[in-house]
N, C-alpha and C. Protein backbone atom coordinates (compact mmCIF):
# COMPACT_ATOMS: atom_id res chain seq x y z
N MET A 1 116.88 109.98 74.74
CA MET A 1 115.62 110.72 74.61
C MET A 1 115.48 111.69 75.78
N PRO A 2 115.28 113.00 75.52
CA PRO A 2 115.14 113.95 76.61
C PRO A 2 113.85 113.73 77.37
N PRO A 3 113.83 114.09 78.67
CA PRO A 3 112.59 113.93 79.45
C PRO A 3 111.48 114.81 78.90
N LEU A 4 110.24 114.37 79.12
CA LEU A 4 109.08 115.11 78.62
C LEU A 4 108.78 116.35 79.44
N SER A 5 109.21 116.37 80.68
CA SER A 5 108.90 117.48 81.59
C SER A 5 110.17 118.07 82.18
N ARG A 6 110.17 119.35 82.40
CA ARG A 6 111.30 120.00 83.05
C ARG A 6 111.08 120.00 84.56
N GLY A 7 112.15 119.76 85.29
CA GLY A 7 112.06 119.87 86.74
C GLY A 7 111.43 118.69 87.42
N ALA A 8 112.24 117.69 87.75
CA ALA A 8 111.73 116.53 88.47
C ALA A 8 111.39 116.91 89.91
N PRO A 9 110.39 116.26 90.51
CA PRO A 9 110.06 116.57 91.92
C PRO A 9 111.22 116.24 92.84
N ARG A 10 111.43 117.10 93.81
CA ARG A 10 112.52 116.93 94.78
C ARG A 10 112.34 115.63 95.55
N GLY A 11 113.45 114.94 95.81
CA GLY A 11 113.42 113.71 96.57
C GLY A 11 113.37 113.95 98.06
N PRO A 12 113.20 112.90 98.85
CA PRO A 12 113.18 113.03 100.33
C PRO A 12 114.58 113.34 100.85
N ARG A 13 114.64 113.86 102.05
CA ARG A 13 115.94 114.13 102.68
C ARG A 13 116.70 112.83 102.87
N TRP A 14 117.99 112.85 102.56
CA TRP A 14 118.81 111.65 102.63
C TRP A 14 118.83 111.06 104.04
N ALA A 15 118.83 111.92 105.04
CA ALA A 15 118.92 111.45 106.43
C ALA A 15 117.75 110.57 106.82
N MET A 16 116.62 110.70 106.12
CA MET A 16 115.44 109.91 106.47
C MET A 16 115.63 108.43 106.20
N ARG A 17 116.60 108.09 105.37
CA ARG A 17 116.83 106.68 105.04
C ARG A 17 117.25 105.85 106.24
N SER A 18 117.99 106.46 107.14
CA SER A 18 118.51 105.71 108.28
C SER A 18 117.51 105.61 109.42
N ARG A 19 116.41 106.32 109.34
CA ARG A 19 115.41 106.29 110.40
C ARG A 19 114.35 105.23 110.13
N SER A 20 113.52 104.98 111.13
CA SER A 20 112.43 104.03 110.96
C SER A 20 111.54 104.45 109.78
N TRP A 21 111.05 103.46 109.04
CA TRP A 21 110.16 103.79 107.93
C TRP A 21 108.91 104.51 108.41
N ARG A 22 108.57 104.34 109.68
CA ARG A 22 107.39 105.01 110.22
C ARG A 22 107.58 106.53 110.34
N ALA A 23 108.84 106.96 110.32
CA ALA A 23 109.12 108.40 110.42
C ALA A 23 109.15 109.06 109.04
N ALA A 24 109.15 108.25 107.98
CA ALA A 24 109.29 108.79 106.63
C ALA A 24 107.92 109.03 106.00
N GLU A 25 107.95 109.75 104.89
CA GLU A 25 106.73 110.02 104.13
C GLU A 25 106.86 109.36 102.76
N PHE A 26 105.79 108.68 102.35
CA PHE A 26 105.80 107.92 101.11
C PHE A 26 104.64 108.36 100.22
N ALA A 27 104.78 108.02 98.94
CA ALA A 27 103.68 108.19 98.00
C ALA A 27 103.51 106.86 97.27
N ALA A 28 102.37 106.22 97.46
CA ALA A 28 102.06 105.01 96.71
C ALA A 28 101.58 105.43 95.33
N LEU A 29 102.25 104.92 94.30
CA LEU A 29 102.01 105.38 92.93
C LEU A 29 101.58 104.21 92.04
N ASP A 30 100.57 104.47 91.20
CA ASP A 30 100.20 103.49 90.19
C ASP A 30 99.89 104.22 88.88
N PHE A 31 100.44 103.69 87.79
CA PHE A 31 100.13 104.16 86.44
C PHE A 31 99.27 103.12 85.73
N GLU A 32 98.25 103.58 85.04
CA GLU A 32 97.60 102.75 84.03
C GLU A 32 98.08 103.27 82.68
N THR A 33 98.41 102.38 81.75
CA THR A 33 99.10 102.77 80.52
C THR A 33 98.47 102.12 79.30
N THR A 34 98.96 102.55 78.13
CA THR A 34 98.48 101.98 76.88
C THR A 34 99.10 100.62 76.62
N GLY A 35 100.10 100.24 77.39
CA GLY A 35 100.82 98.98 77.26
C GLY A 35 102.03 99.02 78.17
N LEU A 36 102.90 98.03 78.10
CA LEU A 36 104.02 97.93 79.02
C LEU A 36 105.38 98.24 78.37
N ASP A 37 105.38 98.71 77.13
CA ASP A 37 106.63 99.12 76.48
C ASP A 37 106.92 100.56 76.88
N ARG A 38 107.91 100.74 77.77
CA ARG A 38 108.18 102.07 78.32
C ARG A 38 108.72 103.05 77.29
N GLU A 39 109.12 102.58 76.12
CA GLU A 39 109.63 103.46 75.09
C GLU A 39 108.53 103.91 74.13
N ARG A 40 107.52 103.08 73.92
CA ARG A 40 106.49 103.41 72.93
C ARG A 40 105.13 103.70 73.55
N ASP A 41 104.81 103.06 74.67
CA ASP A 41 103.50 103.25 75.29
C ASP A 41 103.47 104.50 76.16
N ALA A 42 102.31 104.82 76.70
CA ALA A 42 102.15 106.07 77.44
C ALA A 42 101.15 105.88 78.58
N VAL A 43 101.19 106.81 79.51
CA VAL A 43 100.32 106.81 80.68
C VAL A 43 98.93 107.31 80.29
N VAL A 44 97.87 106.61 80.78
CA VAL A 44 96.50 107.08 80.56
C VAL A 44 95.85 107.55 81.86
N SER A 45 96.41 107.16 83.00
CA SER A 45 95.93 107.67 84.29
C SER A 45 96.97 107.39 85.35
N PHE A 46 96.92 108.17 86.42
CA PHE A 46 97.79 107.89 87.57
C PHE A 46 97.03 108.11 88.87
N GLY A 47 97.43 107.37 89.87
CA GLY A 47 96.89 107.53 91.21
C GLY A 47 98.04 107.61 92.20
N VAL A 48 97.94 108.53 93.13
CA VAL A 48 98.96 108.70 94.16
C VAL A 48 98.27 108.79 95.52
N VAL A 49 98.72 107.96 96.46
CA VAL A 49 98.15 107.96 97.81
C VAL A 49 99.28 108.16 98.81
N PRO A 50 99.25 109.24 99.60
CA PRO A 50 100.33 109.49 100.57
C PRO A 50 100.24 108.55 101.77
N VAL A 51 101.40 108.23 102.32
CA VAL A 51 101.52 107.49 103.58
C VAL A 51 102.42 108.32 104.49
N ARG A 52 101.89 108.70 105.63
CA ARG A 52 102.63 109.57 106.56
C ARG A 52 102.54 109.00 107.97
N ARG A 53 103.72 108.84 108.59
CA ARG A 53 103.80 108.33 109.96
C ARG A 53 103.02 107.02 110.12
N GLY A 54 103.16 106.16 109.14
CA GLY A 54 102.54 104.84 109.22
C GLY A 54 101.05 104.83 108.98
N ARG A 55 100.50 105.87 108.34
CA ARG A 55 99.07 105.93 108.08
C ARG A 55 98.81 106.37 106.65
N VAL A 56 97.77 105.79 106.05
CA VAL A 56 97.34 106.21 104.71
C VAL A 56 96.55 107.51 104.84
N ILE A 57 96.94 108.52 104.05
CA ILE A 57 96.27 109.83 104.10
C ILE A 57 95.31 109.92 102.92
N VAL A 58 94.11 109.43 103.11
CA VAL A 58 93.14 109.33 102.01
C VAL A 58 92.78 110.72 101.47
N GLY A 59 92.66 111.69 102.35
CA GLY A 59 92.24 113.02 101.94
C GLY A 59 93.20 113.74 101.01
N GLU A 60 94.44 113.28 100.91
CA GLU A 60 95.42 113.90 100.03
C GLU A 60 95.70 113.07 98.77
N ALA A 61 94.90 112.04 98.55
CA ALA A 61 95.10 111.20 97.38
C ALA A 61 94.80 111.99 96.09
N VAL A 62 95.47 111.61 95.02
CA VAL A 62 95.34 112.29 93.72
C VAL A 62 95.07 111.24 92.65
N HIS A 63 94.11 111.56 91.77
CA HIS A 63 93.83 110.69 90.63
C HIS A 63 93.57 111.57 89.42
N GLN A 64 94.18 111.22 88.29
CA GLN A 64 93.99 112.04 87.09
C GLN A 64 94.06 111.18 85.84
N LEU A 65 93.15 111.44 84.91
CA LEU A 65 93.21 110.84 83.58
C LEU A 65 94.14 111.67 82.71
N VAL A 66 94.79 111.00 81.75
CA VAL A 66 95.81 111.65 80.93
C VAL A 66 95.59 111.27 79.47
N VAL A 67 95.71 112.26 78.57
CA VAL A 67 95.68 111.97 77.14
C VAL A 67 97.02 111.33 76.77
N PRO A 68 97.04 110.09 76.29
CA PRO A 68 98.31 109.39 76.13
C PRO A 68 99.12 109.78 74.91
N GLY A 69 98.49 110.27 73.86
CA GLY A 69 99.24 110.62 72.66
C GLY A 69 99.51 109.45 71.74
N VAL A 70 99.28 108.24 72.21
CA VAL A 70 99.38 107.04 71.38
C VAL A 70 98.15 106.20 71.68
N PRO A 71 97.69 105.40 70.73
CA PRO A 71 96.47 104.60 70.97
C PRO A 71 96.70 103.49 71.98
N SER A 72 95.70 103.23 72.79
CA SER A 72 95.76 102.10 73.72
C SER A 72 95.52 100.80 72.97
N SER A 73 96.21 99.77 73.38
CA SER A 73 95.96 98.46 72.79
C SER A 73 94.62 97.94 73.30
N ALA A 74 94.04 97.03 72.53
CA ALA A 74 92.77 96.44 72.95
C ALA A 74 92.93 95.72 74.28
N GLU A 75 94.09 95.08 74.48
CA GLU A 75 94.34 94.35 75.72
C GLU A 75 94.41 95.30 76.90
N SER A 76 95.10 96.45 76.75
CA SER A 76 95.21 97.38 77.87
C SER A 76 93.84 97.99 78.20
N MET A 77 93.04 98.30 77.19
CA MET A 77 91.70 98.84 77.47
C MET A 77 90.83 97.80 78.17
N ARG A 78 91.00 96.55 77.81
CA ARG A 78 90.25 95.49 78.49
C ARG A 78 90.64 95.42 79.96
N ILE A 79 91.92 95.65 80.25
CA ILE A 79 92.41 95.55 81.63
C ILE A 79 91.96 96.74 82.47
N HIS A 80 92.27 97.97 82.00
CA HIS A 80 91.97 99.13 82.85
C HIS A 80 90.62 99.78 82.55
N GLY A 81 90.00 99.43 81.44
CA GLY A 81 88.65 99.90 81.16
C GLY A 81 88.54 101.36 80.76
N ILE A 82 89.66 102.02 80.46
CA ILE A 82 89.62 103.43 80.06
C ILE A 82 89.53 103.50 78.54
N LEU A 83 88.41 104.01 78.03
CA LEU A 83 88.17 104.11 76.60
C LEU A 83 88.50 105.51 76.11
N PRO A 84 88.73 105.68 74.80
CA PRO A 84 89.02 107.02 74.27
C PRO A 84 87.99 108.07 74.69
N LYS A 85 86.72 107.71 74.74
CA LYS A 85 85.69 108.69 75.12
C LYS A 85 85.85 109.14 76.57
N ASP A 86 86.46 108.30 77.41
CA ASP A 86 86.65 108.66 78.82
C ASP A 86 87.71 109.73 78.98
N LEU A 87 88.54 109.94 77.96
CA LEU A 87 89.66 110.87 78.05
C LEU A 87 89.30 112.26 77.51
N GLU A 88 88.06 112.46 77.12
CA GLU A 88 87.64 113.78 76.65
C GLU A 88 87.79 114.80 77.79
N GLY A 89 88.53 115.85 77.54
CA GLY A 89 88.77 116.87 78.56
C GLY A 89 89.98 116.60 79.42
N ALA A 90 90.61 115.42 79.28
CA ALA A 90 91.82 115.12 80.04
C ALA A 90 93.00 115.92 79.48
N ARG A 91 94.05 116.04 80.27
CA ARG A 91 95.22 116.81 79.86
C ARG A 91 96.34 115.85 79.42
N PRO A 92 97.23 116.30 78.53
CA PRO A 92 98.40 115.48 78.20
C PRO A 92 99.33 115.38 79.41
N LEU A 93 100.17 114.35 79.41
CA LEU A 93 101.04 114.12 80.56
C LEU A 93 102.00 115.26 80.81
N THR A 94 102.43 115.94 79.76
CA THR A 94 103.34 117.07 79.95
C THR A 94 102.71 118.17 80.80
N GLU A 95 101.38 118.30 80.73
CA GLU A 95 100.68 119.28 81.57
C GLU A 95 100.32 118.68 82.93
N ALA A 96 99.95 117.40 82.94
CA ALA A 96 99.60 116.74 84.21
C ALA A 96 100.83 116.50 85.07
N ALA A 97 102.02 116.64 84.50
CA ALA A 97 103.26 116.38 85.23
C ALA A 97 103.40 117.27 86.46
N HIS A 98 102.84 118.46 86.42
CA HIS A 98 102.93 119.35 87.58
C HIS A 98 102.14 118.79 88.76
N THR A 99 100.94 118.31 88.48
CA THR A 99 100.11 117.69 89.54
C THR A 99 100.79 116.45 90.10
N LEU A 100 101.30 115.60 89.20
CA LEU A 100 102.00 114.40 89.64
C LEU A 100 103.24 114.76 90.45
N GLY A 101 104.01 115.72 89.97
CA GLY A 101 105.23 116.13 90.67
C GLY A 101 104.96 116.62 92.09
N ARG A 102 103.90 117.40 92.26
CA ARG A 102 103.56 117.87 93.61
C ARG A 102 103.20 116.72 94.53
N ALA A 103 102.54 115.71 93.99
CA ALA A 103 102.15 114.55 94.81
C ALA A 103 103.35 113.71 95.22
N LEU A 104 104.43 113.74 94.42
CA LEU A 104 105.62 112.96 94.71
C LEU A 104 106.69 113.75 95.46
N GLU A 105 106.54 115.05 95.52
CA GLU A 105 107.56 115.94 96.07
C GLU A 105 107.96 115.55 97.50
N GLY A 106 109.27 115.34 97.69
CA GLY A 106 109.82 115.09 99.02
C GLY A 106 109.47 113.75 99.62
N ARG A 107 108.95 112.83 98.83
CA ARG A 107 108.49 111.54 99.36
C ARG A 107 109.24 110.37 98.71
N PHE A 108 109.43 109.31 99.50
CA PHE A 108 109.82 108.04 98.92
C PHE A 108 108.61 107.48 98.18
N LEU A 109 108.87 106.60 97.22
CA LEU A 109 107.78 105.99 96.48
C LEU A 109 107.59 104.55 96.90
N VAL A 110 106.35 104.09 96.89
CA VAL A 110 106.05 102.67 97.02
C VAL A 110 105.18 102.29 95.83
N THR A 111 105.55 101.20 95.18
CA THR A 111 104.84 100.75 94.00
C THR A 111 104.74 99.23 94.03
N TRP A 112 103.93 98.69 93.14
CA TRP A 112 103.87 97.25 92.94
C TRP A 112 104.52 96.97 91.59
N PHE A 113 105.60 96.21 91.59
CA PHE A 113 106.40 95.94 90.39
C PHE A 113 107.00 97.24 89.88
N ALA A 114 107.99 97.73 90.62
CA ALA A 114 108.51 99.09 90.47
C ALA A 114 109.08 99.41 89.10
N SER A 115 109.57 98.41 88.36
CA SER A 115 110.22 98.71 87.08
C SER A 115 109.26 99.40 86.12
N VAL A 116 107.96 99.12 86.22
CA VAL A 116 106.99 99.75 85.33
C VAL A 116 106.89 101.24 85.64
N GLU A 117 106.61 101.59 86.89
CA GLU A 117 106.48 103.00 87.25
C GLU A 117 107.79 103.76 87.03
N ILE A 118 108.91 103.15 87.38
CA ILE A 118 110.20 103.81 87.21
C ILE A 118 110.48 104.07 85.73
N GLY A 119 110.11 103.12 84.86
CA GLY A 119 110.32 103.33 83.43
C GLY A 119 109.58 104.54 82.90
N PHE A 120 108.33 104.70 83.31
CA PHE A 120 107.55 105.85 82.84
C PHE A 120 107.98 107.15 83.53
N LEU A 121 108.39 107.08 84.79
CA LEU A 121 108.91 108.27 85.48
C LEU A 121 110.20 108.74 84.82
N ARG A 122 111.03 107.81 84.39
CA ARG A 122 112.28 108.17 83.71
C ARG A 122 111.98 108.90 82.41
N ARG A 123 110.99 108.43 81.65
CA ARG A 123 110.64 109.12 80.42
C ARG A 123 110.09 110.51 80.69
N LEU A 124 109.37 110.66 81.77
CA LEU A 124 108.75 111.94 82.07
C LEU A 124 109.73 112.94 82.65
N TYR A 125 110.52 112.50 83.64
CA TYR A 125 111.38 113.43 84.38
C TYR A 125 112.88 113.19 84.19
N GLY A 126 113.25 112.04 83.57
CA GLY A 126 114.67 111.75 83.37
C GLY A 126 115.30 111.02 84.55
N ARG A 127 116.54 110.56 84.33
CA ARG A 127 117.40 109.97 85.37
C ARG A 127 116.76 108.81 86.11
N ARG A 128 116.83 107.65 85.48
CA ARG A 128 116.27 106.44 86.08
C ARG A 128 116.86 106.18 87.47
N SER A 129 118.15 106.43 87.65
CA SER A 129 118.82 106.15 88.93
C SER A 129 118.21 106.93 90.07
N ARG A 130 117.75 108.15 89.80
CA ARG A 130 117.14 108.96 90.85
C ARG A 130 115.90 108.27 91.41
N TRP A 131 115.13 107.62 90.53
CA TRP A 131 113.89 106.97 90.96
C TRP A 131 114.18 105.64 91.64
N ILE A 132 115.19 104.94 91.18
CA ILE A 132 115.56 103.69 91.84
C ILE A 132 115.94 103.94 93.29
N ARG A 133 116.66 105.03 93.54
CA ARG A 133 117.16 105.32 94.90
C ARG A 133 116.05 105.67 95.87
N ARG A 134 114.87 106.03 95.38
CA ARG A 134 113.82 106.46 96.31
C ARG A 134 112.57 105.58 96.26
N THR A 135 112.65 104.44 95.58
CA THR A 135 111.47 103.60 95.37
C THR A 135 111.57 102.27 96.08
N ILE A 136 110.49 101.91 96.77
CA ILE A 136 110.34 100.59 97.41
C ILE A 136 109.33 99.80 96.61
N ASP A 137 109.72 98.61 96.20
CA ASP A 137 108.84 97.72 95.46
C ASP A 137 108.14 96.80 96.46
N VAL A 138 106.84 96.98 96.63
CA VAL A 138 106.09 96.20 97.61
C VAL A 138 106.10 94.71 97.24
N ARG A 139 106.13 94.42 95.96
CA ARG A 139 106.23 93.02 95.54
C ARG A 139 107.51 92.38 96.10
N GLN A 140 108.60 93.12 96.06
CA GLN A 140 109.86 92.60 96.60
C GLN A 140 109.79 92.43 98.12
N LEU A 141 109.04 93.29 98.79
CA LEU A 141 108.87 93.12 100.24
C LEU A 141 108.12 91.83 100.53
N VAL A 142 107.10 91.53 99.72
CA VAL A 142 106.34 90.28 99.90
C VAL A 142 107.25 89.07 99.66
N ILE A 143 108.07 89.15 98.63
CA ILE A 143 109.01 88.05 98.33
C ILE A 143 109.95 87.83 99.51
N GLU A 144 110.46 88.90 100.09
CA GLU A 144 111.35 88.78 101.25
C GLU A 144 110.61 88.20 102.45
N LEU A 145 109.42 88.70 102.71
CA LEU A 145 108.66 88.27 103.88
C LEU A 145 108.28 86.79 103.79
N GLU A 146 107.88 86.36 102.60
CA GLU A 146 107.38 85.00 102.43
C GLU A 146 108.46 84.01 101.98
N GLY A 147 109.67 84.51 101.69
CA GLY A 147 110.74 83.63 101.23
C GLY A 147 110.46 83.04 99.86
N LEU A 148 109.88 83.82 98.95
CA LEU A 148 109.50 83.33 97.63
C LEU A 148 110.65 83.48 96.64
N ASP A 149 110.56 82.76 95.53
CA ASP A 149 111.52 82.92 94.45
C ASP A 149 111.29 84.25 93.74
N GLN A 150 112.35 84.82 93.17
CA GLN A 150 112.24 86.10 92.48
C GLN A 150 111.30 86.04 91.28
N ASP A 151 111.22 84.88 90.63
CA ASP A 151 110.40 84.79 89.43
C ASP A 151 108.96 84.35 89.71
N VAL A 152 108.55 84.39 90.97
CA VAL A 152 107.20 83.99 91.31
C VAL A 152 106.19 84.93 90.63
N ARG A 153 105.12 84.37 90.12
CA ARG A 153 104.07 85.18 89.48
C ARG A 153 103.01 85.52 90.53
N GLN A 154 102.91 86.79 90.83
CA GLN A 154 101.94 87.22 91.84
C GLN A 154 101.41 88.59 91.46
N SER A 155 100.10 88.74 91.51
CA SER A 155 99.48 90.01 91.18
C SER A 155 99.25 90.81 92.46
N LEU A 156 99.00 92.10 92.27
CA LEU A 156 98.67 92.97 93.40
C LEU A 156 97.41 92.46 94.10
N SER A 157 96.42 92.06 93.32
CA SER A 157 95.16 91.61 93.91
C SER A 157 95.34 90.32 94.71
N SER A 158 96.15 89.38 94.21
CA SER A 158 96.35 88.13 94.93
C SER A 158 97.12 88.36 96.22
N ALA A 159 98.10 89.26 96.20
CA ALA A 159 98.83 89.59 97.42
C ALA A 159 97.91 90.28 98.42
N ALA A 160 97.06 91.18 97.93
CA ALA A 160 96.12 91.86 98.81
C ALA A 160 95.17 90.87 99.47
N GLU A 161 94.69 89.92 98.70
CA GLU A 161 93.79 88.90 99.25
C GLU A 161 94.51 88.09 100.34
N HIS A 162 95.77 87.75 100.09
CA HIS A 162 96.54 86.96 101.06
C HIS A 162 96.66 87.68 102.39
N TYR A 163 96.82 89.02 102.35
CA TYR A 163 97.00 89.80 103.58
C TYR A 163 95.73 90.50 104.04
N ASP A 164 94.60 90.11 103.47
CA ASP A 164 93.29 90.67 103.85
C ASP A 164 93.21 92.18 103.64
N VAL A 165 93.81 92.66 102.56
CA VAL A 165 93.70 94.07 102.18
C VAL A 165 92.56 94.18 101.16
N PRO A 166 91.57 95.01 101.40
CA PRO A 166 90.42 95.08 100.49
C PRO A 166 90.78 95.66 99.12
N VAL A 167 90.18 95.11 98.08
CA VAL A 167 90.36 95.60 96.70
C VAL A 167 88.98 95.91 96.15
N ALA A 168 88.77 97.16 95.74
CA ALA A 168 87.46 97.56 95.23
C ALA A 168 87.42 97.53 93.71
N ASN A 169 88.38 98.17 93.06
CA ASN A 169 88.39 98.29 91.60
C ASN A 169 89.78 97.98 91.06
N PRO A 170 90.12 96.71 90.87
CA PRO A 170 91.45 96.37 90.37
C PRO A 170 91.72 96.99 89.00
N HIS A 171 92.97 97.43 88.80
CA HIS A 171 93.43 98.07 87.56
C HIS A 171 92.81 99.45 87.37
N GLU A 172 92.33 100.04 88.43
CA GLU A 172 91.97 101.46 88.44
C GLU A 172 93.07 102.16 89.24
N ALA A 173 93.70 103.19 88.67
CA ALA A 173 94.95 103.72 89.21
C ALA A 173 94.85 104.13 90.68
N LEU A 174 93.79 104.84 91.04
CA LEU A 174 93.69 105.29 92.43
C LEU A 174 93.49 104.12 93.37
N ASP A 175 92.63 103.16 93.00
CA ASP A 175 92.41 102.01 93.88
C ASP A 175 93.67 101.16 93.99
N ASP A 176 94.38 100.97 92.87
CA ASP A 176 95.62 100.18 92.94
C ASP A 176 96.66 100.89 93.81
N ALA A 177 96.73 102.21 93.73
CA ALA A 177 97.64 102.95 94.60
C ALA A 177 97.23 102.80 96.06
N MET A 178 95.92 102.83 96.33
CA MET A 178 95.43 102.67 97.70
C MET A 178 95.75 101.27 98.23
N VAL A 179 95.54 100.25 97.41
CA VAL A 179 95.85 98.88 97.82
C VAL A 179 97.35 98.74 98.07
N THR A 180 98.17 99.34 97.19
CA THR A 180 99.62 99.29 97.36
C THR A 180 100.03 99.93 98.68
N ALA A 181 99.44 101.08 99.00
CA ALA A 181 99.75 101.77 100.25
C ALA A 181 99.39 100.91 101.46
N GLN A 182 98.21 100.33 101.45
CA GLN A 182 97.77 99.51 102.58
C GLN A 182 98.60 98.23 102.70
N LEU A 183 98.91 97.63 101.56
CA LEU A 183 99.74 96.42 101.57
C LEU A 183 101.14 96.74 102.08
N PHE A 184 101.66 97.89 101.69
CA PHE A 184 102.97 98.32 102.19
C PHE A 184 102.97 98.39 103.72
N LEU A 185 101.95 98.97 104.30
CA LEU A 185 101.90 99.09 105.76
C LEU A 185 101.87 97.72 106.44
N VAL A 186 101.11 96.80 105.88
CA VAL A 186 101.02 95.46 106.47
C VAL A 186 102.36 94.75 106.38
N VAL A 187 102.94 94.73 105.19
CA VAL A 187 104.17 93.95 104.98
C VAL A 187 105.36 94.61 105.67
N ALA A 188 105.47 95.94 105.60
CA ALA A 188 106.56 96.63 106.28
C ALA A 188 106.47 96.41 107.79
N GLY A 189 105.25 96.39 108.33
CA GLY A 189 105.08 96.12 109.75
C GLY A 189 105.57 94.75 110.14
N ARG A 190 105.32 93.75 109.30
CA ARG A 190 105.77 92.39 109.61
C ARG A 190 107.28 92.25 109.45
N LEU A 191 107.85 92.95 108.46
CA LEU A 191 109.30 92.93 108.31
C LEU A 191 109.98 93.64 109.48
N GLU A 192 109.32 94.66 109.99
CA GLU A 192 109.84 95.38 111.16
C GLU A 192 109.99 94.43 112.35
N GLU A 193 109.06 93.50 112.49
CA GLU A 193 109.14 92.53 113.58
C GLU A 193 110.35 91.61 113.43
N ARG A 194 110.89 91.52 112.22
CA ARG A 194 112.09 90.72 111.96
C ARG A 194 113.37 91.55 112.01
N GLY A 195 113.23 92.81 112.39
CA GLY A 195 114.41 93.66 112.51
C GLY A 195 114.70 94.51 111.30
N ILE A 196 113.85 94.44 110.26
CA ILE A 196 114.03 95.28 109.06
C ILE A 196 113.16 96.51 109.26
N ALA A 197 113.73 97.53 109.87
CA ALA A 197 112.90 98.64 110.35
C ALA A 197 113.19 99.98 109.68
N SER A 198 114.37 100.14 109.08
CA SER A 198 114.70 101.45 108.50
C SER A 198 114.24 101.53 107.05
N THR A 199 114.03 102.74 106.59
CA THR A 199 113.68 102.95 105.18
C THR A 199 114.80 102.44 104.28
N ARG A 200 116.05 102.64 104.68
CA ARG A 200 117.18 102.17 103.87
C ARG A 200 117.11 100.67 103.64
N ARG A 201 116.79 99.90 104.66
CA ARG A 201 116.75 98.45 104.51
C ARG A 201 115.59 98.03 103.61
N LEU A 202 114.48 98.73 103.67
CA LEU A 202 113.38 98.41 102.77
C LEU A 202 113.75 98.77 101.32
N LEU A 203 114.43 99.89 101.13
CA LEU A 203 114.87 100.26 99.80
C LEU A 203 115.82 99.22 99.22
N ARG A 204 116.69 98.66 100.05
CA ARG A 204 117.67 97.70 99.57
C ARG A 204 117.04 96.39 99.12
N LEU A 205 115.82 96.12 99.52
CA LEU A 205 115.14 94.92 99.08
C LEU A 205 114.60 95.02 97.65
N THR A 206 114.53 96.24 97.14
CA THR A 206 114.06 96.43 95.78
C THR A 206 115.18 96.13 94.80
N ARG A 207 114.92 95.22 93.87
CA ARG A 207 115.95 94.78 92.91
C ARG A 207 115.48 95.10 91.51
N LEU A 208 116.24 95.98 90.85
CA LEU A 208 115.88 96.42 89.49
C LEU A 208 117.08 96.26 88.56
């Protein structure tokens, strides 16, 4: 299946991988979708929160509603609370792709449960491998830090509560991206104390 959008956002410079994660620039990304089938479902909103030099850059955060082109399941609407009437005036993802691309341009990605975001990014821009190489899964960082099993069931909200990261509106794309960004800083900082300090080493913890 060809990508929905032409021109994927440029990735970060390769040399940044060997440097401290604090020297790199990241984009915490969250999609809310009509469901979790990356082949049939679609994005209904996205939130992107930049992280630069170890700080969350709230003023550059991006949030946008998207016309999905397929109906949302009752379960997904119950979770994210976005109803068809809320999407009046929203743009389709093929048009919103430019805004999303600018927010991701030149940055590593941080997500919670990366396979979901990577699946939808692959449909939009193509080349799944490109996204794997630049994405850090914060859930995997928590598993490494806490010595948990890979199949442990843990939500973003429960992890945030464990590390005292505030959650205002769970399953709202911008707030989930903000929580992911803050959780990344906490967990990456603790892994740094164990000698896991480069962006490359954090990337290698992501298993897809």
